[in-house]
Amino acid sequence: MRIPHQQLDPDTLQNLLEEYATRDGTDYGEREVNLSDKVASLRRQLQSGEVVIWFEPGEESVNLVLAEDLRGHE
């Protein structure tokens, strides 16, 4: 289920973005990227529609996924 980022409380959205940016497996290449830059990048991707917030009810989990990966799955 897609969750519109505009409907989240700003603090909740910030916490979600920070949590996602610090997950294991989020690799940003050879150079280090600080948390605020990672969060800003994720926020821009949400605003552009490139990335969406996806809630999986069966697993009770929230992820950020590429919008193109959801085509046909909604």
PDB file of N, CA and C in Angstrom:
ATOM      1  N   MET A   1       0.847  -1.159   0.000  1.00  0.00           N
ATOM      2  CA  MET A   1       0.000   0.000   0.000  1.00  0.00           C
ATOM      3  C   MET A   1       0.903   1.235   0.000  1.00  0.00           C
ATOM      4  N   ARG A   2       0.669   2.108  -0.968  1.00  0.00           N
ATOM      5  CA  ARG A   2       1.434   3.348  -1.068  1.00  0.00           C
ATOM      6  C   ARG A   2       0.958   4.333  -0.005  1.00  0.00           C
ATOM      7  N   ILE A   3       1.904   4.970   0.674  1.00  0.00           N
ATOM      8  CA  ILE A   3       1.605   5.980   1.683  1.00  0.00           C
ATOM      9  C   ILE A   3       2.092   7.327   1.164  1.00  0.00           C
ATOM     10  N   PRO A   4       1.200   8.270   0.892  1.00  0.00           N
ATOM     11  CA  PRO A   4       1.635   9.587   0.421  1.00  0.00           C
ATOM     12  C   PRO A   4       2.484  10.293   1.488  1.00  0.00           C
ATOM     13  N   HIS A   5       3.686  10.677   1.117  1.00  0.00           N
ATOM     14  CA  HIS A   5       4.582  11.294   2.095  1.00  0.00           C
ATOM     15  C   HIS A   5       4.031  12.607   2.632  1.00  0.00           C
ATOM     16  N   GLN A   6       3.190  13.267   1.847  1.00  0.00           N
ATOM     17  CA  GLN A   6       2.608  14.547   2.276  1.00  0.00           C
ATOM     18  C   GLN A   6       1.644  14.371   3.449  1.00  0.00           C
ATOM     19  N   GLN A   7       1.143  13.168   3.638  1.00  0.00           N
ATOM     20  CA  GLN A   7       0.177  12.924   4.707  1.00  0.00           C
ATOM     21  C   GLN A   7       0.832  12.561   6.034  1.00  0.00           C
ATOM     22  N   LEU A   8       2.140  12.363   6.018  1.00  0.00           N
ATOM     23  CA  LEU A   8       2.839  12.032   7.258  1.00  0.00           C
ATOM     24  C   LEU A   8       3.196  13.291   8.021  1.00  0.00           C
ATOM     25  N   ASP A   9       3.169  13.189   9.333  1.00  0.00           N
ATOM     26  CA  ASP A   9       3.657  14.264  10.185  1.00  0.00           C
ATOM     27  C   ASP A   9       5.126  14.509   9.825  1.00  0.00           C
ATOM     28  N   PRO A  10       5.556  15.765   9.752  1.00  0.00           N
ATOM     29  CA  PRO A  10       6.951  16.043   9.373  1.00  0.00           C
ATOM     30  C   PRO A  10       7.993  15.309  10.215  1.00  0.00           C
ATOM     31  N   ASP A  11       7.763  15.184  11.511  1.00  0.00           N
ATOM     32  CA  ASP A  11       8.715  14.467  12.370  1.00  0.00           C
ATOM     33  C   ASP A  11       8.727  12.971  12.047  1.00  0.00           C
ATOM     34  N   THR A  12       7.565  12.417  11.754  1.00  0.00           N
ATOM     35  CA  THR A  12       7.475  11.006  11.392  1.00  0.00           C
ATOM     36  C   THR A  12       8.213  10.753  10.087  1.00  0.00           C
ATOM     37  N   LEU A  13       8.012  11.621   9.114  1.00  0.00           N
ATOM     38  CA  LEU A  13       8.707  11.484   7.839  1.00  0.00           C
ATOM     39  C   LEU A  13      10.215  11.590   8.036  1.00  0.00           C
ATOM     40  N   GLN A  14      10.661  12.551   8.815  1.00  0.00           N
ATOM     41  CA  GLN A  14      12.091  12.715   9.081  1.00  0.00           C
ATOM     42  C   GLN A  14      12.665  11.447   9.717  1.00  0.00           C
ATOM     43  N   ASN A  15      11.969  10.915  10.711  1.00  0.00           N
ATOM     44  CA  ASN A  15      12.429   9.692  11.381  1.00  0.00           C
ATOM     45  C   ASN A  15      12.481   8.510  10.413  1.00  0.00           C
ATOM     46  N   LEU A  16      11.479   8.395   9.562  1.00  0.00           N
ATOM     47  CA  LEU A  16      11.449   7.321   8.570  1.00  0.00           C
ATOM     48  C   LEU A  16      12.634   7.435   7.615  1.00  0.00           C
ATOM     49  N   LEU A  17      12.889   8.638   7.121  1.00  0.00           N
ATOM     50  CA  LEU A  17      13.995   8.839   6.190  1.00  0.00           C
ATOM     51  C   LEU A  17      15.339   8.549   6.856  1.00  0.00           C
ATOM     52  N   GLU A  18      15.495   8.989   8.095  1.00  0.00           N
ATOM     53  CA  GLU A  18      16.747   8.725   8.819  1.00  0.00           C
ATOM     54  C   GLU A  18      16.927   7.228   9.061  1.00  0.00           C
ATOM     55  N   GLU A  19      15.859   6.558   9.441  1.00  0.00           N
ATOM     56  CA  GLU A  19      15.945   5.123   9.702  1.00  0.00           C
ATOM     57  C   GLU A  19      16.312   4.382   8.418  1.00  0.00           C
ATOM     58  N   TYR A  20      15.685   4.748   7.324  1.00  0.00           N
ATOM     59  CA  TYR A  20      15.966   4.087   6.056  1.00  0.00           C
ATOM     60  C   TYR A  20      17.411   4.353   5.622  1.00  0.00           C
ATOM     61  N   ALA A  21      17.869   5.577   5.766  1.00  0.00           N
ATOM     62  CA  ALA A  21      19.217   5.948   5.326  1.00  0.00           C
ATOM     63  C   ALA A  21      20.312   5.262   6.130  1.00  0.00           C
ATOM     64  N   THR A  22      19.982   4.793   7.327  1.00  0.00           N
ATOM     65  CA  THR A  22      20.999   4.153   8.168  1.00  0.00           C
ATOM     66  C   THR A  22      20.882   2.626   8.189  1.00  0.00           C
ATOM     67  N   ARG A  23      19.975   2.072   7.416  1.00  0.00           N
ATOM     68  CA  ARG A  23      19.824   0.615   7.361  1.00  0.00           C
ATOM     69  C   ARG A  23      21.072  -0.033   6.777  1.00  0.00           C
ATOM     70  N   ASP A  24      21.321  -1.246   7.209  1.00  0.00           N
ATOM     71  CA  ASP A  24      22.394  -2.029   6.599  1.00  0.00           C
ATOM     72  C   ASP A  24      22.071  -2.239   5.128  1.00  0.00           C
ATOM     73  N   GLY A  25      23.092  -2.151   4.316  1.00  0.00           N
ATOM     74  CA  GLY A  25      22.893  -2.385   2.895  1.00  0.00           C
ATOM     75  C   GLY A  25      22.603  -1.141   2.095  1.00  0.00           C
ATOM     76  N   THR A  26      22.514   0.011   2.746  1.00  0.00           N
ATOM     77  CA  THR A  26      22.349   1.252   1.992  1.00  0.00           C
ATOM     78  C   THR A  26      23.737   1.784   1.697  1.00  0.00           C
ATOM     79  N   ASP A  27      24.236   1.423   0.533  1.00  0.00           N
ATOM     80  CA  ASP A  27      25.600   1.756   0.132  1.00  0.00           C
ATOM     81  C   ASP A  27      25.575   2.971  -0.780  1.00  0.00           C
ATOM     82  N   TYR A  28      26.384   3.946  -0.482  1.00  0.00           N
ATOM     83  CA  TYR A  28      26.429   5.174  -1.263  1.00  0.00           C
ATOM     84  C   TYR A  28      27.718   5.293  -2.061  1.00  0.00           C
ATOM     85  N   GLY A  29      28.391   4.174  -2.282  1.00  0.00           N
ATOM     86  CA  GLY A  29      29.594   4.190  -3.106  1.00  0.00           C
ATOM     87  C   GLY A  29      30.855   4.344  -2.288  1.00  0.00           C
ATOM     88  N   GLU A  30      31.899   4.784  -2.953  1.00  0.00           N
ATOM     89  CA  GLU A  30      33.212   4.854  -2.331  1.00  0.00           C
ATOM     90  C   GLU A  30      33.361   5.997  -1.341  1.00  0.00           C
ATOM     91  N   ARG A  31      32.614   7.053  -1.528  1.00  0.00           N
ATOM     92  CA  ARG A  31      32.762   8.199  -0.623  1.00  0.00           C
ATOM     93  C   ARG A  31      31.700   8.172   0.463  1.00  0.00           C
ATOM     94  N   GLU A  32      32.057   8.681   1.606  1.00  0.00           N
ATOM     95  CA  GLU A  32      31.116   8.765   2.723  1.00  0.00           C
ATOM     96  C   GLU A  32      30.116   9.902   2.469  1.00  0.00           C
ATOM     97  N   VAL A  33      28.874   9.654   2.809  1.00  0.00           N
ATOM     98  CA  VAL A  33      27.824  10.664   2.696  1.00  0.00           C
ATOM     99  C   VAL A  33      27.215  10.817   4.076  1.00  0.00           C
ATOM    100  N   ASN A  34      27.135  12.062   4.567  1.00  0.00           N
ATOM    101  CA  ASN A  34      26.597  12.234   5.913  1.00  0.00           C
ATOM    102  C   ASN A  34      25.074  12.042   5.912  1.00  0.00           C
ATOM    103  N   LEU A  35      24.548  11.813   7.092  1.00  0.00           N
ATOM    104  CA  LEU A  35      23.127  11.478   7.236  1.00  0.00           C
ATOM    105  C   LEU A  35      22.224  12.571   6.677  1.00  0.00           C
ATOM    106  N   SER A  36      22.535  13.822   6.934  1.00  0.00           N
ATOM    107  CA  SER A  36      21.652  14.897   6.457  1.00  0.00           C
ATOM    108  C   SER A  36      21.608  14.938   4.932  1.00  0.00           C
ATOM    109  N   ASP A  37      22.729  14.637   4.269  1.00  0.00           N
ATOM    110  CA  ASP A  37      22.735  14.598   2.803  1.00  0.00           C
ATOM    111  C   ASP A  37      21.939  13.406   2.283  1.00  0.00           C
ATOM    112  N   LYS A  38      22.043  12.264   2.946  1.00  0.00           N
ATOM    113  CA  LYS A  38      21.274  11.084   2.558  1.00  0.00           C
ATOM    114  C   LYS A  38      19.778  11.364   2.679  1.00  0.00           C
ATOM    115  N   VAL A  39      19.389  11.965   3.799  1.00  0.00           N
ATOM    116  CA  VAL A  39      17.973  12.267   4.035  1.00  0.00           C
ATOM    117  C   VAL A  39      17.472  13.287   3.014  1.00  0.00           C
ATOM    118  N   ALA A  40      18.276  14.301   2.726  1.00  0.00           N
ATOM    119  CA  ALA A  40      17.881  15.312   1.741  1.00  0.00           C
ATOM    120  C   ALA A  40      17.685  14.681   0.360  1.00  0.00           C
ATOM    121  N   SER A  41      18.557  13.759   0.005  1.00  0.00           N
ATOM    122  CA  SER A  41      18.431  13.074  -1.280  1.00  0.00           C
ATOM    123  C   SER A  41      17.159  12.236  -1.334  1.00  0.00           C
ATOM    124  N   LEU A  42      16.882  11.506  -0.274  1.00  0.00           N
ATOM    125  CA  LEU A  42      15.652  10.710  -0.211  1.00  0.00           C
ATOM    126  C   LEU A  42      14.417  11.596  -0.288  1.00  0.00           C
ATOM    127  N   ARG A  43      14.453  12.727   0.401  1.00  0.00           N
ATOM    128  CA  ARG A  43      13.323  13.655   0.394  1.00  0.00           C
ATOM    129  C   ARG A  43      13.070  14.184  -1.024  1.00  0.00           C
ATOM    130  N   ARG A  44      14.146  14.524  -1.741  1.00  0.00           N
ATOM    131  CA  ARG A  44      14.008  15.002  -3.124  1.00  0.00           C
ATOM    132  C   ARG A  44      13.400  13.915  -4.010  1.00  0.00           C
ATOM    133  N   GLN A  45      13.828  12.689  -3.804  1.00  0.00           N
ATOM    134  CA  GLN A  45      13.290  11.577  -4.598  1.00  0.00           C
ATOM    135  C   GLN A  45      11.814  11.337  -4.298  1.00  0.00           C
ATOM    136  N   LEU A  46      11.415  11.508  -3.058  1.00  0.00           N
ATOM    137  CA  LEU A  46       9.992  11.402  -2.706  1.00  0.00           C
ATOM    138  C   LEU A  46       9.191  12.518  -3.375  1.00  0.00           C
ATOM    139  N   GLN A  47       9.699  13.727  -3.293  1.00  0.00           N
ATOM    140  CA  GLN A  47       8.986  14.871  -3.853  1.00  0.00           C
ATOM    141  C   GLN A  47       8.860  14.790  -5.370  1.00  0.00           C
ATOM    142  N   SER A  48       9.847  14.205  -6.023  1.00  0.00           N
ATOM    143  CA  SER A  48       9.803  14.082  -7.483  1.00  0.00           C
ATOM    144  C   SER A  48       8.941  12.900  -7.932  1.00  0.00           C
ATOM    145  N   GLY A  49       8.617  12.012  -6.999  1.00  0.00           N
ATOM    146  CA  GLY A  49       7.829  10.830  -7.338  1.00  0.00           C
ATOM    147  C   GLY A  49       8.667   9.651  -7.788  1.00  0.00           C
ATOM    148  N   GLU A  50       9.985   9.814  -7.783  1.00  0.00           N
ATOM    149  CA  GLU A  50      10.880   8.725  -8.175  1.00  0.00           C
ATOM    150  C   GLU A  50      10.825   7.580  -7.163  1.00  0.00           C
ATOM    151  N   VAL A  51      10.669   7.936  -5.893  1.00  0.00           N
ATOM    152  CA  VAL A  51      10.604   6.986  -4.789  1.00  0.00           C
ATOM    153  C   VAL A  51       9.285   7.184  -4.067  1.00  0.00           C
ATOM    154  N   VAL A  52       8.710   6.091  -3.566  1.00  0.00           N
ATOM    155  CA  VAL A  52       7.470   6.171  -2.796  1.00  0.00           C
ATOM    156  C   VAL A  52       7.632   5.401  -1.487  1.00  0.00           C
ATOM    157  N   ILE A  53       6.787   5.732  -0.537  1.00  0.00           N
ATOM    158  CA  ILE A  53       6.741   5.006   0.730  1.00  0.00           C
ATOM    159  C   ILE A  53       5.750   3.868   0.553  1.00  0.00           C
ATOM    160  N   TRP A  54       6.202   2.665   0.859  1.00  0.00           N
ATOM    161  CA  TRP A  54       5.382   1.471   0.675  1.00  0.00           C
ATOM    162  C   TRP A  54       5.232   0.746   2.008  1.00  0.00           C
ATOM    163  N   PHE A  55       3.972   0.542   2.424  1.00  0.00           N
ATOM    164  CA  PHE A  55       3.659  -0.207   3.640  1.00  0.00           C
ATOM    165  C   PHE A  55       3.187  -1.586   3.240  1.00  0.00           C
ATOM    166  N   GLU A  56       3.807  -2.597   3.819  1.00  0.00           N
ATOM    167  CA  GLU A  56       3.431  -3.986   3.562  1.00  0.00           C
ATOM    168  C   GLU A  56       2.656  -4.487   4.782  1.00  0.00           C
ATOM    169  N   PRO A  57       1.300  -4.525   4.696  1.00  0.00           N
ATOM    170  CA  PRO A  57       0.483  -4.879   5.862  1.00  0.00           C
ATOM    171  C   PRO A  57       0.796  -6.255   6.449  1.00  0.00           C
ATOM    172  N   GLY A  58       1.028  -7.243   5.605  1.00  0.00           N
ATOM    173  CA  GLY A  58       1.284  -8.600   6.103  1.00  0.00           C
ATOM    174  C   GLY A  58       2.541  -8.680   6.951  1.00  0.00           C
ATOM    175  N   GLU A  59       3.539  -7.894   6.582  1.00  0.00           N
ATOM    176  CA  GLU A  59       4.803  -7.885   7.315  1.00  0.00           C
ATOM    177  C   GLU A  59       4.895  -6.736   8.313  1.00  0.00           C
ATOM    178  N   GLU A  60       3.921  -5.838   8.237  1.00  0.00           N
ATOM    179  CA  GLU A  60       3.926  -4.623   9.060  1.00  0.00           C
ATOM    180  C   GLU A  60       5.260  -3.894   8.933  1.00  0.00           C
ATOM    181  N   SER A  61       5.697  -3.719   7.675  1.00  0.00           N
ATOM    182  CA  SER A  61       6.961  -3.047   7.427  1.00  0.00           C
ATOM    183  C   SER A  61       6.760  -1.883   6.464  1.00  0.00           C
ATOM    184  N   VAL A  62       7.663  -0.924   6.562  1.00  0.00           N
ATOM    185  CA  VAL A  62       7.640   0.253   5.703  1.00  0.00           C
ATOM    186  C   VAL A  62       8.973   0.330   4.982  1.00  0.00           C
ATOM    187  N   ASN A  63       8.910   0.583   3.682  1.00  0.00           N
ATOM    188  CA  ASN A  63      10.110   0.721   2.884  1.00  0.00           C
ATOM    189  C   ASN A  63       9.956   1.870   1.914  1.00  0.00           C
ATOM    190  N   LEU A  64      11.077   2.337   1.430  1.00  0.00           N
ATOM    191  CA  LEU A  64      11.095   3.261   0.311  1.00  0.00           C
ATOM    192  C   LEU A  64      11.435   2.434  -0.912  1.00  0.00           C
ATOM    193  N   VAL A  65      10.633   2.564  -1.948  1.00  0.00           N
ATOM    194  CA  VAL A  65      10.860   1.785  -3.158  1.00  0.00           C
ATOM    195  C   VAL A  65      10.777   2.693  -4.375  1.00  0.00           C
ATOM    196  N   LEU A  66      11.438   2.277  -5.436  1.00  0.00           N
ATOM    197  CA  LEU A  66      11.343   3.020  -6.684  1.00  0.00           C
ATOM    198  C   LEU A  66       9.928   2.898  -7.231  1.00  0.00           C
ATOM    199  N   ALA A  67       9.354   4.011  -7.631  1.00  0.00           N
ATOM    200  CA  ALA A  67       7.993   4.010  -8.156  1.00  0.00           C
ATOM    201  C   ALA A  67       7.875   3.091  -9.363  1.00  0.00           C
ATOM    202  N   GLU A  68       8.907   3.048 -10.187  1.00  0.00           N
ATOM    203  CA  GLU A  68       8.855   2.200 -11.377  1.00  0.00           C
ATOM    204  C   GLU A  68       8.772   0.715 -11.025  1.00  0.00           C
ATOM    205  N   ASP A  69       9.259   0.344  -9.859  1.00  0.00           N
ATOM    206  CA  ASP A  69       9.188  -1.058  -9.436  1.00  0.00           C
ATOM    207  C   ASP A  69       7.779  -1.462  -9.014  1.00  0.00           C
ATOM    208  N   LEU A  70       6.912  -0.486  -8.788  1.00  0.00           N
ATOM    209  CA  LEU A  70       5.545  -0.787  -8.344  1.00  0.00           C
ATOM    210  C   LEU A  70       4.543  -0.845  -9.484  1.00  0.00           C
ATOM    211  N   ARG A  71       4.937  -0.438 -10.653  1.00  0.00           N
ATOM    212  CA  ARG A  71       3.993  -0.435 -11.774  1.00  0.00           C
ATOM    213  C   ARG A  71       3.439  -1.846 -11.968  1.00  0.00           C
ATOM    214  N   GLY A  72       2.108  -1.929 -11.904  1.00  0.00           N
ATOM    215  CA  GLY A  72       1.448  -3.210 -12.064  1.00  0.00           C
ATOM    216  C   GLY A  72       1.283  -4.003 -10.779  1.00  0.00           C
ATOM    217  N   HIS A  73       1.819  -3.484  -9.649  1.00  0.00           N
ATOM    218  CA  HIS A  73       1.729  -4.197  -8.369  1.00  0.00           C
ATOM    219  C   HIS A  73       0.786  -3.528  -7.396  1.00  0.00           C
ATOM    220  N   GLU A  74       0.147  -2.473  -7.814  1.00  0.00           N
ATOM    221  CA  GLU A  74      -0.730  -1.764  -6.877  1.00  0.00           C
ATOM    222  C   GLU A  74      -2.163  -2.183  -7.073  1.00  0.00           C
TER     223      GLU A  74
END
